PDB file of N, CA and C in Angstrom:
ATOM      1  N   UNK A   1     -54.670 -50.301-104.497  1.00  0.00           N
ATOM      2  CA  UNK A   1     -55.648 -49.465-105.154  1.00  0.00           C
ATOM      3  C   UNK A   1     -55.155 -48.026-105.082  1.00  0.00           C
ATOM      4  N   UNK A   2     -55.315 -47.299-106.139  1.00  0.00           N
ATOM      5  CA  UNK A   2     -54.876 -45.912-106.221  1.00  0.00           C
ATOM      6  C   UNK A   2     -56.063 -45.038-106.596  1.00  0.00           C
ATOM      7  N   UNK A   3     -56.240 -43.942-105.863  1.00  0.00           N
ATOM      8  CA  UNK A   3     -57.315 -42.982-106.141  1.00  0.00           C
ATOM      9  C   UNK A   3     -56.749 -41.580-106.047  1.00  0.00           C
ATOM     10  N   UNK A   4     -57.349 -40.652-106.782  1.00  0.00           N
ATOM     11  CA  UNK A   4     -56.961 -39.240-106.705  1.00  0.00           C
ATOM     12  C   UNK A   4     -58.173 -38.434-106.292  1.00  0.00           C
ATOM     13  N   UNK A   5     -57.944 -37.493-105.359  1.00  0.00           N
ATOM     14  CA  UNK A   5     -59.033 -36.646-104.882  1.00  0.00           C
ATOM     15  C   UNK A   5     -58.461 -35.385-104.267  1.00  0.00           C
ATOM     16  N   UNK A   6     -59.051 -34.236-104.592  1.00  0.00           N
ATOM     17  CA  UNK A   6     -58.669 -32.975-103.977  1.00  0.00           C
ATOM     18  C   UNK A   6     -57.196 -32.628-104.088  1.00  0.00           C
ATOM     19  N   UNK A   7     -56.545 -32.930-105.197  1.00  0.00           N
ATOM     20  CA  UNK A   7     -55.143 -32.601-105.392  1.00  0.00           C
ATOM     21  C   UNK A   7     -54.174 -33.554-104.718  1.00  0.00           C
ATOM     22  N   UNK A   8     -54.658 -34.657-104.195  1.00  0.00           N
ATOM     23  CA  UNK A   8     -53.787 -35.649-103.551  1.00  0.00           C
ATOM     24  C   UNK A   8     -54.007 -37.011-104.186  1.00  0.00           C
ATOM     25  N   UNK A   9     -52.982 -37.852-104.099  1.00  0.00           N
ATOM     26  CA  UNK A   9     -53.066 -39.236-104.558  1.00  0.00           C
ATOM     27  C   UNK A   9     -53.091 -40.121-103.322  1.00  0.00           C
ATOM     28  N   UNK A  10     -54.023 -41.067-103.272  1.00  0.00           N
ATOM     29  CA  UNK A  10     -54.156 -41.992-102.159  1.00  0.00           C
ATOM     30  C   UNK A  10     -53.839 -43.389-102.645  1.00  0.00           C
ATOM     31  N   UNK A  11     -52.995 -44.088-101.898  1.00  0.00           N
ATOM     32  CA  UNK A  11     -52.613 -45.450-102.237  1.00  0.00           C
ATOM     33  C   UNK A  11     -52.977 -46.352-101.067  1.00  0.00           C
ATOM     34  N   UNK A  12     -53.742 -47.405-101.347  1.00  0.00           N
ATOM     35  CA  UNK A  12     -54.159 -48.371-100.342  1.00  0.00           C
ATOM     36  C   UNK A  12     -53.426 -49.675-100.649  1.00  0.00           C
ATOM     37  N   UNK A  13     -52.600 -50.144 -99.697  1.00  0.00           N
ATOM     38  CA  UNK A  13     -51.788 -51.345 -99.934  1.00  0.00           C
ATOM     39  C   UNK A  13     -51.956 -52.331 -98.784  1.00  0.00           C
ATOM     40  N   UNK A  14     -51.945 -53.629 -99.100  1.00  0.00           N
ATOM     41  CA  UNK A  14     -52.136 -54.663 -98.087  1.00  0.00           C
ATOM     42  C   UNK A  14     -51.190 -55.830 -98.325  1.00  0.00           C
ATOM     43  N   UNK A  15     -50.713 -56.421 -97.232  1.00  0.00           N
ATOM     44  CA  UNK A  15     -49.946 -57.669 -97.263  1.00  0.00           C
ATOM     45  C   UNK A  15     -50.976 -58.783 -97.178  1.00  0.00           C
ATOM     46  N   UNK A  16     -51.050 -59.621 -98.160  1.00  0.00           N
ATOM     47  CA  UNK A  16     -52.112 -60.618 -98.243  1.00  0.00           C
ATOM     48  C   UNK A  16     -51.728 -61.999 -97.725  1.00  0.00           C
ATOM     49  N   UNK A  17     -50.675 -62.064 -96.881  1.00  0.00           N
ATOM     50  CA  UNK A  17     -50.278 -63.373 -96.346  1.00  0.00           C
ATOM     51  C   UNK A  17     -49.526 -63.197 -95.038  1.00  0.00           C
ATOM     52  N   UNK A  18     -49.340 -64.303 -94.333  1.00  0.00           N
ATOM     53  CA  UNK A  18     -48.574 -64.306 -93.087  1.00  0.00           C
ATOM     54  C   UNK A  18     -47.113 -64.585 -93.405  1.00  0.00           C
ATOM     55  N   UNK A  19     -46.243 -64.225 -92.496  1.00  0.00           N
ATOM     56  CA  UNK A  19     -44.820 -64.464 -92.687  1.00  0.00           C
ATOM     57  C   UNK A  19     -44.109 -63.205 -93.114  1.00  0.00           C
ATOM     58  N   UNK A  20     -42.812 -63.162 -92.864  1.00  0.00           N
ATOM     59  CA  UNK A  20     -42.056 -61.963 -93.221  1.00  0.00           C
ATOM     60  C   UNK A  20     -41.782 -61.939 -94.717  1.00  0.00           C
ATOM     61  N   UNK A  21     -41.835 -60.737 -95.265  1.00  0.00           N
ATOM     62  CA  UNK A  21     -41.535 -60.560 -96.678  1.00  0.00           C
ATOM     63  C   UNK A  21     -40.610 -59.367 -96.830  1.00  0.00           C
ATOM     64  N   UNK A  22     -39.939 -59.287 -97.938  1.00  0.00           N
ATOM     65  CA  UNK A  22     -39.111 -58.117 -98.227  1.00  0.00           C
ATOM     66  C   UNK A  22     -40.027 -56.917 -98.435  1.00  0.00           C
ATOM     67  N   UNK A  23     -39.525 -55.732 -98.136  1.00  0.00           N
ATOM     68  CA  UNK A  23     -40.314 -54.515 -98.321  1.00  0.00           C
ATOM     69  C   UNK A  23     -40.654 -54.353 -99.796  1.00  0.00           C
ATOM     70  N   UNK A  24     -41.936 -54.299-100.129  1.00  0.00           N
ATOM     71  CA  UNK A  24     -42.304 -54.138-101.532  1.00  0.00           C
ATOM     72  C   UNK A  24     -42.066 -52.722-102.008  1.00  0.00           C
ATOM     73  N   UNK A  25     -41.819 -52.562-103.285  1.00  0.00           N
ATOM     74  CA  UNK A  25     -41.731 -51.242-103.898  1.00  0.00           C
ATOM     75  C   UNK A  25     -43.138 -50.834-104.307  1.00  0.00           C
ATOM     76  N   UNK A  26     -43.512 -49.608-103.964  1.00  0.00           N
ATOM     77  CA  UNK A  26     -44.830 -49.097-104.290  1.00  0.00           C
ATOM     78  C   UNK A  26     -44.677 -47.913-105.231  1.00  0.00           C
ATOM     79  N   UNK A  27     -45.469 -47.877-106.266  1.00  0.00           N
ATOM     80  CA  UNK A  27     -45.388 -46.810-107.268  1.00  0.00           C
ATOM     81  C   UNK A  27     -46.318 -45.678-106.871  1.00  0.00           C
ATOM     82  N   UNK A  28     -45.794 -44.456-106.813  1.00  0.00           N
ATOM     83  CA  UNK A  28     -46.579 -43.296-106.402  1.00  0.00           C
ATOM     84  C   UNK A  28     -47.058 -42.462-107.583  1.00  0.00           C
ATOM     85  N   UNK A  29     -46.727 -42.819-108.806  1.00  0.00           N
ATOM     86  CA  UNK A  29     -47.184 -42.145-110.021  1.00  0.00           C
ATOM     87  C   UNK A  29     -46.769 -40.674-110.062  1.00  0.00           C
ATOM     88  N   UNK A  30     -45.614 -40.349-109.549  1.00  0.00           N
ATOM     89  CA  UNK A  30     -45.106 -38.982-109.633  1.00  0.00           C
ATOM     90  C   UNK A  30     -43.598 -39.045-109.779  1.00  0.00           C
ATOM     91  N   UNK A  31     -43.053 -38.528-110.880  1.00  0.00           N
ATOM     92  CA  UNK A  31     -41.606 -38.606-111.080  1.00  0.00           C
ATOM     93  C   UNK A  31     -40.825 -37.638-110.184  1.00  0.00           C
ATOM     94  N   UNK A  32     -41.487 -36.604-109.643  1.00  0.00           N
ATOM     95  CA  UNK A  32     -40.803 -35.621-108.798  1.00  0.00           C
ATOM     96  C   UNK A  32     -40.686 -36.145-107.369  1.00  0.00           C
ATOM     97  N   UNK A  33     -39.644 -35.716-106.644  1.00  0.00           N
ATOM     98  CA  UNK A  33     -39.501 -36.122-105.241  1.00  0.00           C
ATOM     99  C   UNK A  33     -40.701 -35.668-104.426  1.00  0.00           C
ATOM    100  N   UNK A  34     -41.211 -36.523-103.616  1.00  0.00           N
ATOM    101  CA  UNK A  34     -42.367 -36.258-102.755  1.00  0.00           C
ATOM    102  C   UNK A  34     -42.188 -37.012-101.446  1.00  0.00           C
ATOM    103  N   UNK A  35     -43.133 -36.795-100.540  1.00  0.00           N
ATOM    104  CA  UNK A  35     -43.211 -37.587 -99.318  1.00  0.00           C
ATOM    105  C   UNK A  35     -44.575 -38.257 -99.287  1.00  0.00           C
ATOM    106  N   UNK A  36     -44.591 -39.551 -99.041  1.00  0.00           N
ATOM    107  CA  UNK A  36     -45.840 -40.281 -98.872  1.00  0.00           C
ATOM    108  C   UNK A  36     -46.162 -40.277 -97.387  1.00  0.00           C
ATOM    109  N   UNK A  37     -47.251 -39.618 -97.020  1.00  0.00           N
ATOM    110  CA  UNK A  37     -47.695 -39.622 -95.629  1.00  0.00           C
ATOM    111  C   UNK A  37     -48.404 -40.944 -95.372  1.00  0.00           C
ATOM    112  N   UNK A  38     -48.005 -41.655 -94.308  1.00  0.00           N
ATOM    113  CA  UNK A  38     -48.670 -42.897 -93.941  1.00  0.00           C
ATOM    114  C   UNK A  38     -49.814 -42.498 -93.009  1.00  0.00           C
ATOM    115  N   UNK A  39     -51.026 -42.544 -93.521  1.00  0.00           N
ATOM    116  CA  UNK A  39     -52.200 -42.058 -92.792  1.00  0.00           C
ATOM    117  C   UNK A  39     -52.411 -42.868 -91.518  1.00  0.00           C
ATOM    118  N   UNK A  40     -52.552 -42.152 -90.393  1.00  0.00           N
ATOM    119  CA  UNK A  40     -52.816 -42.790 -89.106  1.00  0.00           C
ATOM    120  C   UNK A  40     -51.600 -43.357 -88.400  1.00  0.00           C
ATOM    121  N   UNK A  41     -50.405 -43.188 -88.985  1.00  0.00           N
ATOM    122  CA  UNK A  41     -49.195 -43.754 -88.378  1.00  0.00           C
ATOM    123  C   UNK A  41     -48.157 -42.699 -88.019  1.00  0.00           C
ATOM    124  N   UNK A  42     -48.451 -41.421 -88.245  1.00  0.00           N
ATOM    125  CA  UNK A  42     -47.561 -40.319 -87.855  1.00  0.00           C
ATOM    126  C   UNK A  42     -46.143 -40.488 -88.397  1.00  0.00           C
ATOM    127  N   UNK A  43     -46.046 -40.830 -89.691  1.00  0.00           N
ATOM    128  CA  UNK A  43     -44.738 -40.960 -90.326  1.00  0.00           C
ATOM    129  C   UNK A  43     -44.875 -40.723 -91.818  1.00  0.00           C
ATOM    130  N   UNK A  44     -43.762 -40.441 -92.451  1.00  0.00           N
ATOM    131  CA  UNK A  44     -43.728 -40.251 -93.882  1.00  0.00           C
ATOM    132  C   UNK A  44     -42.576 -41.020 -94.497  1.00  0.00           C
ATOM    133  N   UNK A  45     -42.674 -41.274 -95.793  1.00  0.00           N
ATOM    134  CA  UNK A  45     -41.656 -42.030 -96.527  1.00  0.00           C
ATOM    135  C   UNK A  45     -41.280 -41.230 -97.774  1.00  0.00           C
ATOM    136  N   UNK A  46     -39.997 -41.089 -98.028  1.00  0.00           N
ATOM    137  CA  UNK A  46     -39.538 -40.366 -99.218  1.00  0.00           C
ATOM    138  C   UNK A  46     -39.886 -41.132-100.481  1.00  0.00           C
ATOM    139  N   UNK A  47     -40.407 -40.403-101.465  1.00  0.00           N
ATOM    140  CA  UNK A  47     -40.728 -40.960-102.781  1.00  0.00           C
ATOM    141  C   UNK A  47     -39.671 -40.447-103.747  1.00  0.00           C
ATOM    142  N   UNK A  48     -38.946 -41.343-104.374  1.00  0.00           N
ATOM    143  CA  UNK A  48     -37.898 -40.971-105.322  1.00  0.00           C
ATOM    144  C   UNK A  48     -38.159 -41.664-106.645  1.00  0.00           C
ATOM    145  N   UNK A  49     -38.164 -40.886-107.724  1.00  0.00           N
ATOM    146  CA  UNK A  49     -38.435 -41.399-109.079  1.00  0.00           C
ATOM    147  C   UNK A  49     -39.764 -42.142-109.126  1.00  0.00           C
ATOM    148  N   UNK A  50     -40.731 -41.680-108.325  1.00  0.00           N
ATOM    149  CA  UNK A  50     -42.065 -42.263-108.339  1.00  0.00           C
ATOM    150  C   UNK A  50     -42.214 -43.558-107.564  1.00  0.00           C
ATOM    151  N   UNK A  51     -41.201 -43.958-106.779  1.00  0.00           N
ATOM    152  CA  UNK A  51     -41.227 -45.243-106.074  1.00  0.00           C
ATOM    153  C   UNK A  51     -40.834 -45.055-104.618  1.00  0.00           C
ATOM    154  N   UNK A  52     -41.471 -45.824-103.721  1.00  0.00           N
ATOM    155  CA  UNK A  52     -41.047 -45.877-102.319  1.00  0.00           C
ATOM    156  C   UNK A  52     -41.250 -47.292-101.793  1.00  0.00           C
ATOM    157  N   UNK A  53     -40.622 -47.578-100.656  1.00  0.00           N
ATOM    158  CA  UNK A  53     -40.717 -48.907-100.041  1.00  0.00           C
ATOM    159  C   UNK A  53     -41.199 -48.774 -98.609  1.00  0.00           C
ATOM    160  N   UNK A  54     -41.933 -49.776 -98.141  1.00  0.00           N
ATOM    161  CA  UNK A  54     -42.419 -49.802 -96.766  1.00  0.00           C
ATOM    162  C   UNK A  54     -42.493 -51.250 -96.302  1.00  0.00           C
ATOM    163  N   UNK A  55     -42.424 -51.443 -95.000  1.00  0.00           N
ATOM    164  CA  UNK A  55     -42.533 -52.776 -94.412  1.00  0.00           C
ATOM    165  C   UNK A  55     -43.983 -53.057 -94.034  1.00  0.00           C
ATOM    166  N   UNK A  56     -44.375 -54.323 -94.119  1.00  0.00           N
ATOM    167  CA  UNK A  56     -45.726 -54.747 -93.772  1.00  0.00           C
ATOM    168  C   UNK A  56     -45.666 -55.899 -92.774  1.00  0.00           C
ATOM    169  N   UNK A  57     -46.525 -55.849 -91.768  1.00  0.00           N
ATOM    170  CA  UNK A  57     -46.693 -56.966 -90.841  1.00  0.00           C
ATOM    171  C   UNK A  57     -47.595 -58.001 -91.519  1.00  0.00           C
ATOM    172  N   UNK A  58     -47.778 -59.164 -90.875  1.00  0.00           N
ATOM    173  CA  UNK A  58     -48.695 -60.172 -91.401  1.00  0.00           C
ATOM    174  C   UNK A  58     -50.062 -59.542 -91.650  1.00  0.00           C
ATOM    175  N   UNK A  59     -50.558 -59.665 -92.854  1.00  0.00           N
ATOM    176  CA  UNK A  59     -51.862 -59.130 -93.247  1.00  0.00           C
ATOM    177  C   UNK A  59     -52.000 -57.639 -92.952  1.00  0.00           C
ATOM    178  N   UNK A  60     -50.887 -56.932 -92.931  1.00  0.00           N
ATOM    179  CA  UNK A  60     -50.880 -55.500 -92.617  1.00  0.00           C
ATOM    180  C   UNK A  60     -51.454 -54.650 -93.739  1.00  0.00           C
ATOM    181  N   UNK A  61     -51.986 -53.502 -93.355  1.00  0.00           N
ATOM    182  CA  UNK A  61     -52.567 -52.552 -94.301  1.00  0.00           C
ATOM    183  C   UNK A  61     -51.955 -51.183 -94.047  1.00  0.00           C
ATOM    184  N   UNK A  62     -51.599 -50.478 -95.118  1.00  0.00           N
ATOM    185  CA  UNK A  62     -51.111 -49.106 -95.021  1.00  0.00           C
ATOM    186  C   UNK A  62     -51.901 -48.248 -96.000  1.00  0.00           C
ATOM    187  N   UNK A  63     -52.195 -47.041 -95.561  1.00  0.00           N
ATOM    188  CA  UNK A  63     -52.874 -46.055 -96.392  1.00  0.00           C
ATOM    189  C   UNK A  63     -51.930 -44.878 -96.544  1.00  0.00           C
ATOM    190  N   UNK A  64     -51.696 -44.432 -97.779  1.00  0.00           N
ATOM    191  CA  UNK A  64     -50.729 -43.363 -98.047  1.00  0.00           C
ATOM    192  C   UNK A  64     -51.435 -42.195 -98.741  1.00  0.00           C
ATOM    193  N   UNK A  65     -50.952 -40.979 -98.434  1.00  0.00           N
ATOM    194  CA  UNK A  65     -51.419 -39.777 -99.125  1.00  0.00           C
ATOM    195  C   UNK A  65     -50.188 -39.050 -99.657  1.00  0.00           C
ATOM    196  N   UNK A  66     -50.177 -38.788-100.961  1.00  0.00           N
ATOM    197  CA  UNK A  66     -49.099 -38.043-101.600  1.00  0.00           C
ATOM    198  C   UNK A  66     -49.728 -36.786-102.174  1.00  0.00           C
ATOM    199  N   UNK A  67     -49.315 -35.622-101.669  1.00  0.00           N
ATOM    200  CA  UNK A  67     -49.896 -34.375-102.159  1.00  0.00           C
ATOM    201  C   UNK A  67     -49.122 -33.874-103.368  1.00  0.00           C
ATOM    202  N   UNK A  68     -49.819 -33.208-104.242  1.00  0.00           N
ATOM    203  CA  UNK A  68     -49.225 -32.668-105.450  1.00  0.00           C
ATOM    204  C   UNK A  68     -48.572 -31.388-105.106  1.00  0.00           C
TER     205      UNK A  68
END
């Protein structure tokens, strides 16, 4: 799910099954280089050409904030 609020884009992503999977590509809807802050995890991921990748645990959930 993707939402925009207060000049930032928020992306809510979930792994919907058990077992290891390849890191999915997530679209950040911004062609310019950015950093996706992983909310509550004290880390960021580089966004290049509007796309970034992250790892998910079984049924894992990540919340991202990308500022404009």
